[in-house]
């Protein structure tokens, strides 16, 4: 019998896998949030609007799921832990305030992008 290099047997292994995937997805989306104002400032508005669209899709997904990431629901099947970071590899304080921090940065990036687009300079 051969074993695969990544074993997903047992709830703790499955939880770790979900946490890794969730962290990668979060890091990708957080990078988009940070990139939007940078791109807007550099007047790379096409890219800024593209990332705004990506994050709008993510926002709609969260909205349809009672403001919870679907990966949180998957992780919850594998643990009774419900700390703010039970489903992701982030410090607990960041997981707790994630939506407020990155939501605020996202709105600021959208406002800056729109201002740069409307100014035309």
N, C-alpha and C. Protein backbone atom coordinates (compact mmCIF):
# COMPACT_ATOMS: atom_id res chain seq x y z
N UNK A 1 0.84 -1.17 0.00
CA UNK A 1 0.00 0.00 0.00
C UNK A 1 0.89 1.24 0.00
N UNK A 2 0.56 2.18 -0.86
CA UNK A 2 1.34 3.43 -0.91
C UNK A 2 0.55 4.54 -0.23
N UNK A 3 1.28 5.45 0.29
CA UNK A 3 0.64 6.62 0.90
C UNK A 3 1.00 7.85 0.10
N UNK A 4 0.03 8.75 0.03
CA UNK A 4 0.29 9.99 -0.69
C UNK A 4 1.07 10.92 0.23
N UNK A 5 1.82 11.86 -0.36
CA UNK A 5 2.59 12.79 0.46
C UNK A 5 1.70 13.68 1.34
N UNK A 6 0.47 13.92 0.89
CA UNK A 6 -0.46 14.73 1.68
C UNK A 6 -1.63 13.84 2.05
N UNK A 7 -1.72 13.53 3.31
CA UNK A 7 -2.81 12.70 3.79
C UNK A 7 -3.89 13.58 4.39
N UNK A 8 -5.12 13.37 3.97
CA UNK A 8 -6.24 14.14 4.50
C UNK A 8 -7.11 13.26 5.37
N UNK A 9 -6.49 12.25 5.97
CA UNK A 9 -7.23 11.35 6.84
C UNK A 9 -7.33 11.96 8.23
N UNK A 10 -8.51 11.95 8.76
CA UNK A 10 -8.74 12.46 10.10
C UNK A 10 -9.15 13.92 10.08
N UNK A 11 -9.96 14.30 11.06
CA UNK A 11 -10.47 15.68 11.09
C UNK A 11 -9.37 16.73 11.23
N UNK A 12 -8.33 16.46 11.99
CA UNK A 12 -7.30 17.49 12.18
C UNK A 12 -6.54 17.74 10.88
N UNK A 13 -6.30 16.70 10.09
CA UNK A 13 -5.61 16.88 8.81
C UNK A 13 -6.51 17.62 7.82
N UNK A 14 -7.78 17.30 7.82
CA UNK A 14 -8.71 18.01 6.92
C UNK A 14 -8.85 19.48 7.35
N UNK A 15 -8.89 19.73 8.65
CA UNK A 15 -8.96 21.10 9.13
C UNK A 15 -7.72 21.87 8.73
N UNK A 16 -6.55 21.28 8.89
CA UNK A 16 -5.31 21.96 8.47
C UNK A 16 -5.36 22.28 6.99
N UNK A 17 -5.84 21.36 6.16
CA UNK A 17 -5.93 21.59 4.73
C UNK A 17 -6.86 22.77 4.43
N UNK A 18 -8.04 22.81 5.06
CA UNK A 18 -8.98 23.91 4.85
C UNK A 18 -8.35 25.23 5.30
N UNK A 19 -7.65 25.20 6.45
CA UNK A 19 -7.00 26.43 6.95
C UNK A 19 -5.93 26.93 5.98
N UNK A 20 -5.18 26.02 5.39
CA UNK A 20 -4.15 26.42 4.42
C UNK A 20 -4.82 27.05 3.19
N UNK A 21 -5.84 26.38 2.66
CA UNK A 21 -6.54 26.91 1.49
C UNK A 21 -7.17 28.27 1.82
N UNK A 22 -7.82 28.36 2.97
CA UNK A 22 -8.46 29.61 3.38
C UNK A 22 -7.43 30.72 3.52
N UNK A 23 -6.29 30.42 4.08
CA UNK A 23 -5.24 31.43 4.25
C UNK A 23 -4.71 31.89 2.90
N UNK A 24 -4.54 30.98 1.97
CA UNK A 24 -4.06 31.34 0.63
C UNK A 24 -5.10 32.24 -0.08
N UNK A 25 -6.36 31.87 0.02
CA UNK A 25 -7.42 32.68 -0.59
C UNK A 25 -7.46 34.06 0.06
N UNK A 26 -7.39 34.10 1.41
CA UNK A 26 -7.40 35.37 2.13
C UNK A 26 -6.21 36.24 1.70
N UNK A 27 -5.03 35.66 1.63
CA UNK A 27 -3.83 36.43 1.26
C UNK A 27 -3.97 37.00 -0.15
N UNK A 28 -4.55 36.22 -1.04
CA UNK A 28 -4.77 36.70 -2.41
C UNK A 28 -5.73 37.88 -2.43
N UNK A 29 -6.82 37.77 -1.69
CA UNK A 29 -7.80 38.85 -1.65
C UNK A 29 -7.26 40.08 -0.92
N UNK A 30 -6.51 39.85 0.15
CA UNK A 30 -5.91 40.98 0.88
C UNK A 30 -4.91 41.71 -0.02
N UNK A 31 -4.19 40.97 -0.84
CA UNK A 31 -3.26 41.58 -1.79
C UNK A 31 -4.01 42.45 -2.79
N UNK A 32 -5.17 41.97 -3.24
CA UNK A 32 -6.00 42.78 -4.15
C UNK A 32 -6.42 44.08 -3.48
N UNK A 33 -6.84 44.00 -2.22
CA UNK A 33 -7.29 45.20 -1.49
C UNK A 33 -6.15 46.21 -1.40
N UNK A 34 -4.97 45.75 -1.07
CA UNK A 34 -3.82 46.65 -0.92
C UNK A 34 -3.38 47.20 -2.28
N UNK A 35 -3.52 46.39 -3.33
CA UNK A 35 -3.07 46.80 -4.66
C UNK A 35 -3.97 47.87 -5.28
N UNK A 36 -5.24 47.88 -4.95
CA UNK A 36 -6.18 48.82 -5.60
C UNK A 36 -5.73 50.27 -5.46
N UNK A 37 -5.48 50.79 -4.26
CA UNK A 37 -5.07 52.20 -4.20
C UNK A 37 -3.71 52.45 -4.84
N UNK A 38 -2.84 51.47 -4.80
CA UNK A 38 -1.53 51.63 -5.44
C UNK A 38 -1.72 51.76 -6.95
N UNK A 39 -2.53 50.89 -7.51
CA UNK A 39 -2.80 50.94 -8.94
C UNK A 39 -3.52 52.23 -9.32
N UNK A 40 -4.47 52.64 -8.49
CA UNK A 40 -5.20 53.90 -8.77
C UNK A 40 -4.23 55.08 -8.74
N UNK A 41 -3.36 55.10 -7.75
CA UNK A 41 -2.40 56.20 -7.64
C UNK A 41 -1.50 56.26 -8.87
N UNK A 42 -1.13 55.09 -9.38
CA UNK A 42 -0.28 55.02 -10.57
C UNK A 42 -1.07 55.18 -11.86
N UNK A 43 -2.36 55.41 -11.72
CA UNK A 43 -3.28 55.57 -12.85
C UNK A 43 -3.36 54.32 -13.73
N UNK A 44 -3.18 53.19 -13.14
CA UNK A 44 -3.41 51.91 -13.83
C UNK A 44 -4.84 51.49 -13.50
N UNK A 45 -5.77 52.29 -14.01
CA UNK A 45 -7.16 52.20 -13.61
C UNK A 45 -7.84 50.92 -14.11
N UNK A 46 -7.43 50.41 -15.24
CA UNK A 46 -7.99 49.15 -15.73
C UNK A 46 -7.75 48.02 -14.74
N UNK A 47 -6.52 47.94 -14.25
CA UNK A 47 -6.18 46.91 -13.26
C UNK A 47 -6.91 47.18 -11.94
N UNK A 48 -6.98 48.43 -11.54
CA UNK A 48 -7.67 48.76 -10.28
C UNK A 48 -9.14 48.35 -10.37
N UNK A 49 -9.80 48.69 -11.48
CA UNK A 49 -11.20 48.31 -11.63
C UNK A 49 -11.37 46.79 -11.73
N UNK A 50 -10.43 46.10 -12.32
CA UNK A 50 -10.50 44.64 -12.39
C UNK A 50 -10.45 44.03 -10.98
N UNK A 51 -9.55 44.54 -10.15
CA UNK A 51 -9.46 44.03 -8.78
C UNK A 51 -10.68 44.42 -7.96
N UNK A 52 -11.23 45.60 -8.22
CA UNK A 52 -12.47 45.99 -7.56
C UNK A 52 -13.56 44.99 -7.90
N UNK A 53 -13.61 44.58 -9.16
CA UNK A 53 -14.59 43.58 -9.58
C UNK A 53 -14.39 42.23 -8.91
N UNK A 54 -13.14 41.80 -8.80
CA UNK A 54 -12.85 40.53 -8.10
C UNK A 54 -13.37 40.60 -6.67
N UNK A 55 -13.09 41.70 -6.00
CA UNK A 55 -13.51 41.84 -4.61
C UNK A 55 -15.01 42.05 -4.49
N UNK A 56 -15.63 42.61 -5.50
CA UNK A 56 -17.09 42.72 -5.49
C UNK A 56 -17.73 41.34 -5.54
N UNK A 57 -17.17 40.46 -6.35
CA UNK A 57 -17.66 39.07 -6.41
C UNK A 57 -17.50 38.40 -5.03
N UNK A 58 -16.36 38.59 -4.40
CA UNK A 58 -16.13 38.04 -3.06
C UNK A 58 -17.13 38.62 -2.06
N UNK A 59 -17.40 39.91 -2.15
CA UNK A 59 -18.36 40.55 -1.26
C UNK A 59 -19.75 39.97 -1.45
N UNK A 60 -20.14 39.76 -2.69
CA UNK A 60 -21.46 39.16 -2.97
C UNK A 60 -21.54 37.73 -2.43
N UNK A 61 -20.46 36.99 -2.57
CA UNK A 61 -20.40 35.62 -2.03
C UNK A 61 -20.58 35.64 -0.51
N UNK A 62 -19.90 36.55 0.16
CA UNK A 62 -20.05 36.68 1.61
C UNK A 62 -21.47 37.10 1.97
N UNK A 63 -22.01 38.05 1.24
CA UNK A 63 -23.36 38.54 1.50
C UNK A 63 -24.38 37.40 1.39
N UNK A 64 -24.23 36.56 0.38
CA UNK A 64 -25.15 35.44 0.19
C UNK A 64 -24.98 34.36 1.26
N UNK A 65 -23.89 34.41 2.00
CA UNK A 65 -23.60 33.39 3.01
C UNK A 65 -23.61 34.00 4.42
N UNK A 66 -24.47 34.99 4.64
CA UNK A 66 -24.59 35.64 5.96
C UNK A 66 -23.26 36.21 6.44
N UNK A 67 -22.50 36.79 5.54
CA UNK A 67 -21.21 37.43 5.83
C UNK A 67 -20.17 36.46 6.37
N UNK A 68 -20.30 35.19 6.02
CA UNK A 68 -19.31 34.18 6.41
C UNK A 68 -18.71 33.59 5.15
N UNK A 69 -17.42 33.33 5.21
CA UNK A 69 -16.76 32.66 4.10
C UNK A 69 -17.24 31.21 4.07
N UNK A 70 -17.56 30.67 2.91
CA UNK A 70 -17.96 29.27 2.83
C UNK A 70 -16.89 28.31 3.39
N UNK A 71 -15.63 28.70 3.33
CA UNK A 71 -14.58 27.85 3.88
C UNK A 71 -14.68 27.75 5.41
N UNK A 72 -15.25 28.77 6.04
CA UNK A 72 -15.47 28.72 7.48
C UNK A 72 -16.45 27.60 7.82
N UNK A 73 -17.50 27.48 7.02
CA UNK A 73 -18.47 26.41 7.24
C UNK A 73 -17.85 25.04 7.04
N UNK A 74 -16.99 24.91 6.07
CA UNK A 74 -16.31 23.63 5.83
C UNK A 74 -15.39 23.31 7.00
N UNK A 75 -14.63 24.29 7.46
CA UNK A 75 -13.72 24.06 8.59
C UNK A 75 -14.50 23.69 9.85
N UNK A 76 -15.67 24.27 10.03
CA UNK A 76 -16.48 24.01 11.23
C UNK A 76 -16.89 22.55 11.34
N UNK A 77 -16.94 21.84 10.23
CA UNK A 77 -17.28 20.42 10.26
C UNK A 77 -16.21 19.57 10.92
N UNK A 78 -15.00 20.12 11.05
CA UNK A 78 -13.87 19.33 11.51
C UNK A 78 -13.34 19.72 12.88
N UNK A 79 -14.03 20.64 13.56
CA UNK A 79 -13.58 21.06 14.89
C UNK A 79 -14.75 21.69 15.64
N UNK A 80 -14.67 21.66 16.94
CA UNK A 80 -15.66 22.36 17.76
C UNK A 80 -15.14 23.74 18.18
N UNK A 81 -13.89 24.03 17.86
CA UNK A 81 -13.26 25.32 18.15
C UNK A 81 -14.00 26.41 17.37
N UNK A 82 -14.31 27.51 18.03
CA UNK A 82 -14.96 28.61 17.34
C UNK A 82 -14.28 29.94 17.63
N UNK A 83 -12.99 29.89 17.95
CA UNK A 83 -12.26 31.16 18.07
C UNK A 83 -12.30 31.85 16.71
N UNK A 84 -12.00 33.14 16.71
CA UNK A 84 -12.09 33.91 15.47
C UNK A 84 -11.17 33.39 14.38
N UNK A 85 -10.12 32.69 14.74
CA UNK A 85 -9.17 32.18 13.74
C UNK A 85 -9.14 30.66 13.66
N UNK A 86 -10.22 29.98 14.06
CA UNK A 86 -10.22 28.52 14.03
C UNK A 86 -10.12 27.96 12.62
N UNK A 87 -10.46 28.78 11.64
CA UNK A 87 -10.57 28.31 10.26
C UNK A 87 -9.49 28.87 9.33
N UNK A 88 -8.53 29.60 9.88
CA UNK A 88 -7.54 30.28 9.05
C UNK A 88 -6.28 30.53 9.86
N UNK A 89 -5.14 30.57 9.19
CA UNK A 89 -3.87 30.84 9.87
C UNK A 89 -3.60 32.34 9.90
N UNK A 90 -4.33 33.04 10.77
CA UNK A 90 -4.14 34.46 11.02
C UNK A 90 -4.11 34.66 12.52
N UNK A 91 -3.46 35.72 12.98
CA UNK A 91 -3.58 36.04 14.40
C UNK A 91 -5.06 36.27 14.74
N UNK A 92 -5.44 35.90 15.95
CA UNK A 92 -6.85 36.00 16.32
C UNK A 92 -7.39 37.42 16.18
N UNK A 93 -6.60 38.43 16.57
CA UNK A 93 -7.07 39.82 16.48
C UNK A 93 -7.34 40.21 15.03
N UNK A 94 -6.51 39.73 14.10
CA UNK A 94 -6.71 40.07 12.69
C UNK A 94 -7.92 39.34 12.13
N UNK A 95 -8.08 38.08 12.49
CA UNK A 95 -9.26 37.34 12.05
C UNK A 95 -10.54 37.99 12.58
N UNK A 96 -10.49 38.48 13.81
CA UNK A 96 -11.65 39.12 14.43
C UNK A 96 -12.02 40.41 13.72
N UNK A 97 -11.03 41.20 13.31
CA UNK A 97 -11.28 42.53 12.73
C UNK A 97 -11.05 42.57 11.21
N UNK A 98 -10.91 41.44 10.61
CA UNK A 98 -10.57 41.33 9.19
C UNK A 98 -11.52 42.13 8.29
N UNK A 99 -12.81 41.93 8.46
CA UNK A 99 -13.78 42.60 7.58
C UNK A 99 -13.73 44.12 7.76
N UNK A 100 -13.59 44.57 8.99
CA UNK A 100 -13.55 46.03 9.23
C UNK A 100 -12.28 46.63 8.63
N UNK A 101 -11.14 45.98 8.85
CA UNK A 101 -9.87 46.51 8.35
C UNK A 101 -9.84 46.52 6.83
N UNK A 102 -10.07 45.35 6.24
CA UNK A 102 -9.93 45.25 4.79
C UNK A 102 -11.14 45.81 4.06
N UNK A 103 -12.31 45.82 4.71
CA UNK A 103 -13.47 46.49 4.12
C UNK A 103 -13.24 47.98 4.01
N UNK A 104 -12.68 48.56 5.07
CA UNK A 104 -12.37 50.00 5.05
C UNK A 104 -11.33 50.34 3.99
N UNK A 105 -10.29 49.51 3.92
CA UNK A 105 -9.26 49.73 2.89
C UNK A 105 -9.83 49.57 1.48
N UNK A 106 -10.73 48.61 1.32
CA UNK A 106 -11.36 48.39 0.02
C UNK A 106 -12.18 49.61 -0.39
N UNK A 107 -13.00 50.12 0.51
CA UNK A 107 -13.82 51.31 0.21
C UNK A 107 -12.92 52.50 -0.13
N UNK A 108 -11.86 52.68 0.65
CA UNK A 108 -10.92 53.77 0.37
C UNK A 108 -10.28 53.60 -1.01
N UNK A 109 -9.93 52.39 -1.37
CA UNK A 109 -9.35 52.12 -2.68
C UNK A 109 -10.32 52.39 -3.80
N UNK A 110 -11.59 52.02 -3.60
CA UNK A 110 -12.63 52.29 -4.61
C UNK A 110 -12.81 53.80 -4.78
N UNK A 111 -12.88 54.51 -3.65
CA UNK A 111 -13.05 55.98 -3.71
C UNK A 111 -11.87 56.62 -4.44
N UNK A 112 -10.65 56.20 -4.11
CA UNK A 112 -9.48 56.76 -4.79
C UNK A 112 -9.50 56.43 -6.28
N UNK A 113 -9.88 55.21 -6.61
CA UNK A 113 -9.93 54.81 -8.02
C UNK A 113 -10.95 55.66 -8.78
N UNK A 114 -12.12 55.83 -8.19
CA UNK A 114 -13.15 56.64 -8.84
C UNK A 114 -12.71 58.10 -8.97
N UNK A 115 -12.07 58.61 -7.94
CA UNK A 115 -11.60 60.01 -7.98
C UNK A 115 -10.55 60.18 -9.08
N UNK A 116 -9.63 59.24 -9.18
CA UNK A 116 -8.59 59.32 -10.22
C UNK A 116 -9.22 59.18 -11.61
N UNK A 117 -10.22 58.31 -11.73
CA UNK A 117 -10.87 58.12 -13.04
C UNK A 117 -11.64 59.38 -13.44
N UNK A 118 -12.35 59.99 -12.49
CA UNK A 118 -13.14 61.17 -12.80
C UNK A 118 -12.28 62.41 -13.02
N UNK A 119 -11.12 62.47 -12.39
CA UNK A 119 -10.29 63.66 -12.55
C UNK A 119 -9.67 63.70 -13.95
N UNK A 120 -9.48 62.55 -14.55
CA UNK A 120 -8.98 62.48 -15.92
C UNK A 120 -7.55 62.93 -16.12
N UNK A 121 -6.87 63.32 -15.09
CA UNK A 121 -5.49 63.78 -15.24
C UNK A 121 -4.52 62.69 -14.95
